[in-house]
Protein backbone atom coordinates (compact mmCIF):
# COMPACT_ATOMS: atom_id res chain seq x y z
CA UNK A 1 101.02 92.99 80.78
CA UNK A 2 102.79 89.72 81.36
CA UNK A 3 101.48 87.57 84.13
CA UNK A 4 103.52 84.77 85.91
CA UNK A 5 101.42 82.13 87.33
CA UNK A 6 103.22 79.99 90.01
CA UNK A 7 102.66 76.29 89.37
CA UNK A 8 105.27 75.04 91.78
CA UNK A 9 105.27 72.84 94.96
CA UNK A 10 105.45 74.40 98.39
CA UNK A 11 106.64 72.82 101.52
CA UNK A 12 103.64 71.87 103.69
CA UNK A 13 103.81 73.59 107.12
CA UNK A 14 107.13 75.44 106.51
CA UNK A 15 106.51 79.21 105.96
CA UNK A 16 110.14 80.11 106.00
CA UNK A 17 110.92 77.58 103.24
CA UNK A 18 108.01 78.76 101.32
CA UNK A 19 109.12 82.32 101.72
CA UNK A 20 112.59 81.40 100.33
CA UNK A 21 111.01 79.52 97.42
CA UNK A 22 108.44 82.38 96.78
CA UNK A 23 111.10 85.02 96.69
CA UNK A 24 113.12 82.96 94.22
CA UNK A 25 110.11 82.64 92.03
CA UNK A 26 109.58 86.39 92.05
CA UNK A 27 113.14 86.68 90.65
CA UNK A 28 112.49 84.09 88.06
CA UNK A 29 109.26 85.85 87.03
CA UNK A 30 110.97 89.25 86.72
CA UNK A 31 113.76 87.68 84.63
CA UNK A 32 110.91 86.29 82.32
CA UNK A 33 109.62 89.75 81.86
CA UNK A 34 106.55 89.51 84.20
CA UNK A 35 104.69 92.38 85.54
CA UNK A 36 102.54 90.58 87.96
CA UNK A 37 103.15 87.19 89.69
CA UNK A 38 100.31 85.15 91.26
CA UNK A 39 100.82 82.38 93.82
CA UNK A 40 98.49 79.37 94.50
CA UNK A 41 96.22 79.16 97.60
CA UNK A 42 97.87 79.34 101.00
CA UNK A 43 101.44 79.42 99.63
CA UNK A 44 102.78 80.42 103.07
CA UNK A 45 101.74 77.05 104.60
CA UNK A 46 101.67 74.97 101.38
CA UNK A 47 98.01 74.52 101.84
CA UNK A 48 98.79 72.15 104.86
CA UNK A 49 95.50 71.05 106.58
CA UNK A 50 94.84 72.10 110.15
CA UNK A 51 95.36 68.92 112.27
CA UNK A 52 92.46 67.66 114.39
CA UNK A 53 94.47 67.27 117.65
CA UNK A 54 94.78 70.09 120.05
CA UNK A 55 98.63 70.34 119.94
CA UNK A 56 98.76 70.07 116.23
CA UNK A 57 95.96 72.59 115.72
CA UNK A 58 97.74 75.03 118.04
CA UNK A 59 101.00 74.68 115.99
CA UNK A 60 99.02 75.24 112.78
CA UNK A 61 97.31 78.37 114.29
CA UNK A 62 100.66 79.65 115.41
CA UNK A 63 101.80 79.96 111.79
CA UNK A 64 99.19 82.72 111.05
CA UNK A 65 100.86 85.95 110.24
CA UNK A 66 99.58 89.63 110.21
CA UNK A 67 99.66 91.81 107.10
CA UNK A 68 102.34 93.93 108.79
CA UNK A 69 104.57 90.93 109.74
CA UNK A 70 107.92 90.01 108.30
CA UNK A 71 106.72 87.17 106.03
CA UNK A 72 104.53 89.50 103.94
CA UNK A 73 107.13 92.23 104.42
CA UNK A 74 109.66 90.27 102.66
CA UNK A 75 107.41 90.02 99.57
CA UNK A 76 106.72 93.71 99.78
CA UNK A 77 110.44 94.48 99.73
CA UNK A 78 110.93 92.09 96.75
CA UNK A 79 108.11 93.78 94.85
CA UNK A 80 109.58 97.16 95.31
CA UNK A 81 113.07 96.16 94.41
CA UNK A 82 111.98 94.17 91.34
CA UNK A 83 109.27 96.58 90.20
CA UNK A 84 106.96 93.56 90.18
CA UNK A 85 103.31 93.41 91.45
CA UNK A 86 102.66 90.27 93.54
CA UNK A 87 99.64 88.28 94.81
CA UNK A 88 100.71 86.05 97.44
CA UNK A 89 98.68 84.03 99.81
CA UNK A 90 98.87 83.19 103.59
CA UNK A 91 97.01 82.36 106.81
CA UNK A 92 96.06 85.77 108.08
CA UNK A 93 96.11 86.45 111.89
CA UNK A 94 92.91 88.30 112.48
CA UNK A 95 90.84 89.31 115.60
CA UNK A 96 87.77 87.43 114.13
CA UNK A 97 89.85 84.17 113.65
CA UNK A 98 92.36 83.02 110.97
CA UNK A 99 91.66 83.96 107.31
CA UNK A 100 92.52 82.20 104.08
CA UNK A 101 93.97 85.32 102.64
CA UNK A 102 95.72 86.97 99.60
CA UNK A 103 97.65 90.16 99.58
CA UNK A 104 97.82 92.26 96.52
CA UNK A 105 101.05 94.12 96.39
CA UNK A 106 101.93 96.72 93.74
CA UNK A 107 105.18 97.43 92.01
CA UNK A 108 106.10 99.94 94.64
CA UNK A 109 105.65 97.41 97.46
CA UNK A 110 102.35 98.84 98.60
CA UNK A 111 99.56 96.51 99.78
CA UNK A 112 96.58 97.65 97.82
CA UNK A 113 94.13 94.89 98.96
CA UNK A 114 93.93 91.99 101.36
CA UNK A 115 91.25 89.59 100.36
CA UNK A 116 89.92 86.86 102.62
CA UNK A 117 88.23 83.83 100.97
CA UNK A 118 84.48 84.24 101.18
CA UNK A 119 83.48 80.72 100.19
CA UNK A 120 85.64 78.73 102.54
CA UNK A 121 85.34 74.93 102.25
CA UNK A 122 83.70 74.60 105.55
CA UNK A 123 82.48 71.06 104.63
CA UNK A 124 86.23 69.98 105.37
CA UNK A 125 89.17 71.14 107.44
CA UNK A 126 88.74 74.73 106.19
CA UNK A 127 86.01 75.20 108.61
CA UNK A 128 88.77 76.65 110.90
CA UNK A 129 88.80 79.85 108.77
CA UNK A 130 86.62 82.84 109.20
CA UNK A 131 84.96 83.73 105.89
CA UNK A 132 85.77 87.11 104.35
CA UNK A 133 83.11 89.83 104.37
CA UNK A 134 82.91 90.36 100.55
CA UNK A 135 84.83 91.01 97.19
CA UNK A 136 86.97 93.96 96.54
CA UNK A 137 88.59 95.58 93.49
CA UNK A 138 91.88 97.74 93.74
CA UNK A 139 93.88 99.70 91.23
CA UNK A 140 97.21 97.92 91.07
CA UNK A 141 100.32 99.79 89.64
CA UNK A 142 102.56 97.64 87.57
CA UNK A 143 105.46 98.17 85.44
CA UNK A 144 103.05 97.83 82.50
CA UNK A 145 100.67 100.35 83.84
CA UNK A 146 97.63 100.13 86.09
CA UNK A 147 95.01 97.41 86.17
CA UNK A 148 91.81 97.12 88.11
CA UNK A 149 92.26 93.73 89.91
CA UNK A 150 90.09 91.48 92.00
CA UNK A 151 90.83 88.30 93.74
CA UNK A 152 88.82 85.13 94.28
CA UNK A 153 90.31 81.95 96.01
CA UNK A 154 89.68 78.42 94.79
CA UNK A 155 86.10 77.41 95.82
CA UNK A 156 85.00 81.09 95.08
CA UNK A 157 85.61 80.19 91.47
CA UNK A 158 82.65 77.69 91.65
CA UNK A 159 80.22 80.49 92.67
CA UNK A 160 79.37 82.59 89.68
CA UNK A 161 78.30 85.59 91.86
CA UNK A 162 81.93 86.12 92.88
CA UNK A 163 83.30 87.11 89.58
CA UNK A 164 80.09 88.98 88.66
CA UNK A 165 80.41 91.11 91.80
CA UNK A 166 84.01 91.92 91.02
CA UNK A 167 83.09 92.67 87.33
CA UNK A 168 80.25 95.03 88.49
CA UNK A 169 82.80 96.86 90.77
CA UNK A 170 85.07 97.45 87.71
CA UNK A 171 87.52 94.53 87.72
CA UNK A 172 89.41 94.08 84.39
CA UNK A 173 91.47 91.14 85.78
CA UNK A 174 90.40 88.56 88.28
CA UNK A 175 93.12 86.36 89.70
CA UNK A 176 92.40 83.04 91.45
CA UNK A 177 94.97 81.38 93.83
CA UNK A 178 93.99 77.78 93.66
CA UNK A 179 94.57 74.32 95.44
CA UNK A 180 92.32 71.66 93.89
CA UNK A 181 92.18 69.26 91.00
CA UNK A 182 91.23 71.30 87.91
CA UNK A 183 89.08 68.94 85.79
CA UNK A 184 87.74 70.00 82.44
CA UNK A 185 84.42 71.31 84.13
CA UNK A 186 86.52 73.55 86.41
CA UNK A 187 88.49 74.85 83.56
CA UNK A 188 85.15 75.43 81.79
CA UNK A 189 84.09 77.44 84.87
CA UNK A 190 87.13 79.80 84.44
CA UNK A 191 86.46 80.20 80.88
CA UNK A 192 82.84 80.98 81.46
CA UNK A 193 83.56 83.48 84.17
CA UNK A 194 85.76 85.38 81.69
CA UNK A 195 83.24 85.09 78.92
CA UNK A 196 80.11 86.09 80.75
CA UNK A 197 81.72 89.07 82.46
CA UNK A 198 84.19 90.40 79.75
CA UNK A 199 86.95 90.21 82.24
CA UNK A 200 90.34 88.33 82.18
CA UNK A 201 90.54 85.52 84.68
CA UNK A 202 93.85 83.77 85.70
CA UNK A 203 94.33 80.81 87.87
CA UNK A 204 97.50 79.62 89.66
CA UNK A 205 97.32 76.08 90.92
CA UNK A 206 99.81 73.54 92.46
CA UNK A 207 101.31 71.03 90.17
CA UNK A 208 101.41 67.19 90.14
CA UNK A 209 101.37 64.97 92.13
CA UNK A 210 99.51 66.90 94.88
CA UNK A 211 97.22 68.84 92.56
CA UNK A 212 97.22 68.74 88.76
CA UNK A 213 98.48 72.17 87.54
CA UNK A 214 96.49 73.46 84.66
CA UNK A 215 97.04 77.08 85.63
CA UNK A 216 95.43 79.21 83.08
CA UNK A 217 94.54 82.60 81.63
CA UNK A 218 91.47 83.53 79.67
CA UNK A 219 91.35 87.03 78.39
CA UNK A 220 87.50 87.41 78.09
CA UNK A 221 87.50 88.73 74.52
CA UNK A 222 85.30 85.83 73.32
CA UNK A 223 84.12 87.56 70.04
CA UNK A 224 86.03 89.25 67.27
CA UNK A 225 84.18 90.79 64.26
CA UNK A 226 81.06 89.07 65.29
CA UNK A 227 82.58 85.68 65.26
CA UNK A 228 83.51 83.40 68.25
CA UNK A 229 87.20 83.73 69.26
CA UNK A 230 89.14 81.28 71.42
CA UNK A 231 90.26 83.46 74.34
CA UNK A 232 92.54 80.96 75.86
CA UNK A 233 95.82 82.69 76.44
CA UNK A 234 97.48 79.89 78.49
CA UNK A 235 96.56 76.44 79.82
CA UNK A 236 99.34 74.56 81.30
CA UNK A 237 99.82 70.90 81.82
CA UNK A 238 100.43 69.29 85.30
CA UNK A 239 104.36 69.88 85.44
CA UNK A 240 106.00 72.17 87.91
CA UNK A 241 106.70 75.35 86.14
CA UNK A 242 106.21 79.16 86.05
CA UNK A 243 103.59 79.93 83.55
CA UNK A 244 104.10 83.05 81.64
CA UNK A 245 101.01 84.52 79.81
CA UNK A 246 100.60 87.99 78.11
CA UNK A 247 97.37 89.90 78.58
CA UNK A 248 96.53 92.72 76.03
CA UNK A 249 94.75 95.11 78.41
CA UNK A 250 94.20 97.69 75.76
CA UNK A 251 92.36 95.32 73.51
CA UNK A 252 90.31 94.08 76.57
CA UNK A 253 89.43 97.65 77.43
CA UNK A 254 88.23 98.39 73.83
CA UNK A 255 86.32 95.07 73.74
CA UNK A 256 84.44 95.94 76.94
CA UNK A 257 83.19 99.22 75.53
CA UNK A 258 81.01 97.24 73.01
CA UNK A 259 80.39 93.91 74.80
CA UNK A 260 76.86 92.72 75.14
CA UNK A 261 78.11 90.63 78.24
CA UNK A 262 78.94 91.84 81.73
CA UNK A 263 76.55 94.52 83.04
CA UNK A 264 75.35 95.74 79.67
CA UNK A 265 72.01 93.94 79.67
CA UNK A 266 71.34 92.85 83.25
CA UNK A 267 67.86 93.00 84.95
CA UNK A 268 68.79 93.01 88.62
CA UNK A 269 65.20 93.51 89.69
CA UNK A 270 64.46 89.96 88.51
CA UNK A 271 67.17 88.38 90.64
CA UNK A 272 65.90 88.69 94.12
CA UNK A 273 66.27 85.02 94.79
CA UNK A 274 70.09 85.27 94.37
CA UNK A 275 70.51 87.04 97.71
CA UNK A 276 67.95 84.87 99.66
CA UNK A 277 69.29 82.81 102.44
CA UNK A 278 68.61 79.09 102.03
CA UNK A 279 69.17 76.27 104.51
CA UNK A 280 72.13 74.05 104.00
């Protein structure tokens, strides 16, 4: 399965321009042989912050779109026409408040999942978002065959429980739309999430100068014949580009049958403190 990780600039606060750019990137991904394309966080708005003044805040909120709206509908039509699975990101209009959302669209143009960011950065402007209720896995049909796929968004990546929950629910591939500076420690987080769960993890991030790129894919197959294996499939620099990376799903599935990581040797009864609420 070939992944295309979008590491391109979006236009802040301009959903229609970002739709145009996004559809062109889908065409480029297909021309590059991709089966699945992943956009960075809040592609629809270019990760434009919500202004603090009332008028600016209202204009920002007015950009929110529904899952059934025309903005997402254009991606669904492109996915169907190109036979290309797409994970695109947007401000979701929702009865409980706006969501920092990602839609998973299969190669037939069907929405198989809409994930709302659980760990919103509520220590900053993202406090306007309503956190999502949890993590979900869906079976996504691609031109290369089906894959069990889960989504995390940016700050979710820094919480190890997020990938573990997806892995326990059967995810083979976890994709992470991102909008942050990916230092070596954060790249290490991604590598570790793949290693400790025996899942592939892919990140799509904005390029320089706003963020620093470094979109990546780790395939989770960290051992081969009882020896450590570098499971880095792709790690981009900071330039604007479409990062193409091939994931060997058959090899990953075989690896998972004998892996000592993931769920194989957990002791959940010893982990009660992981679900205990603590004061912030």
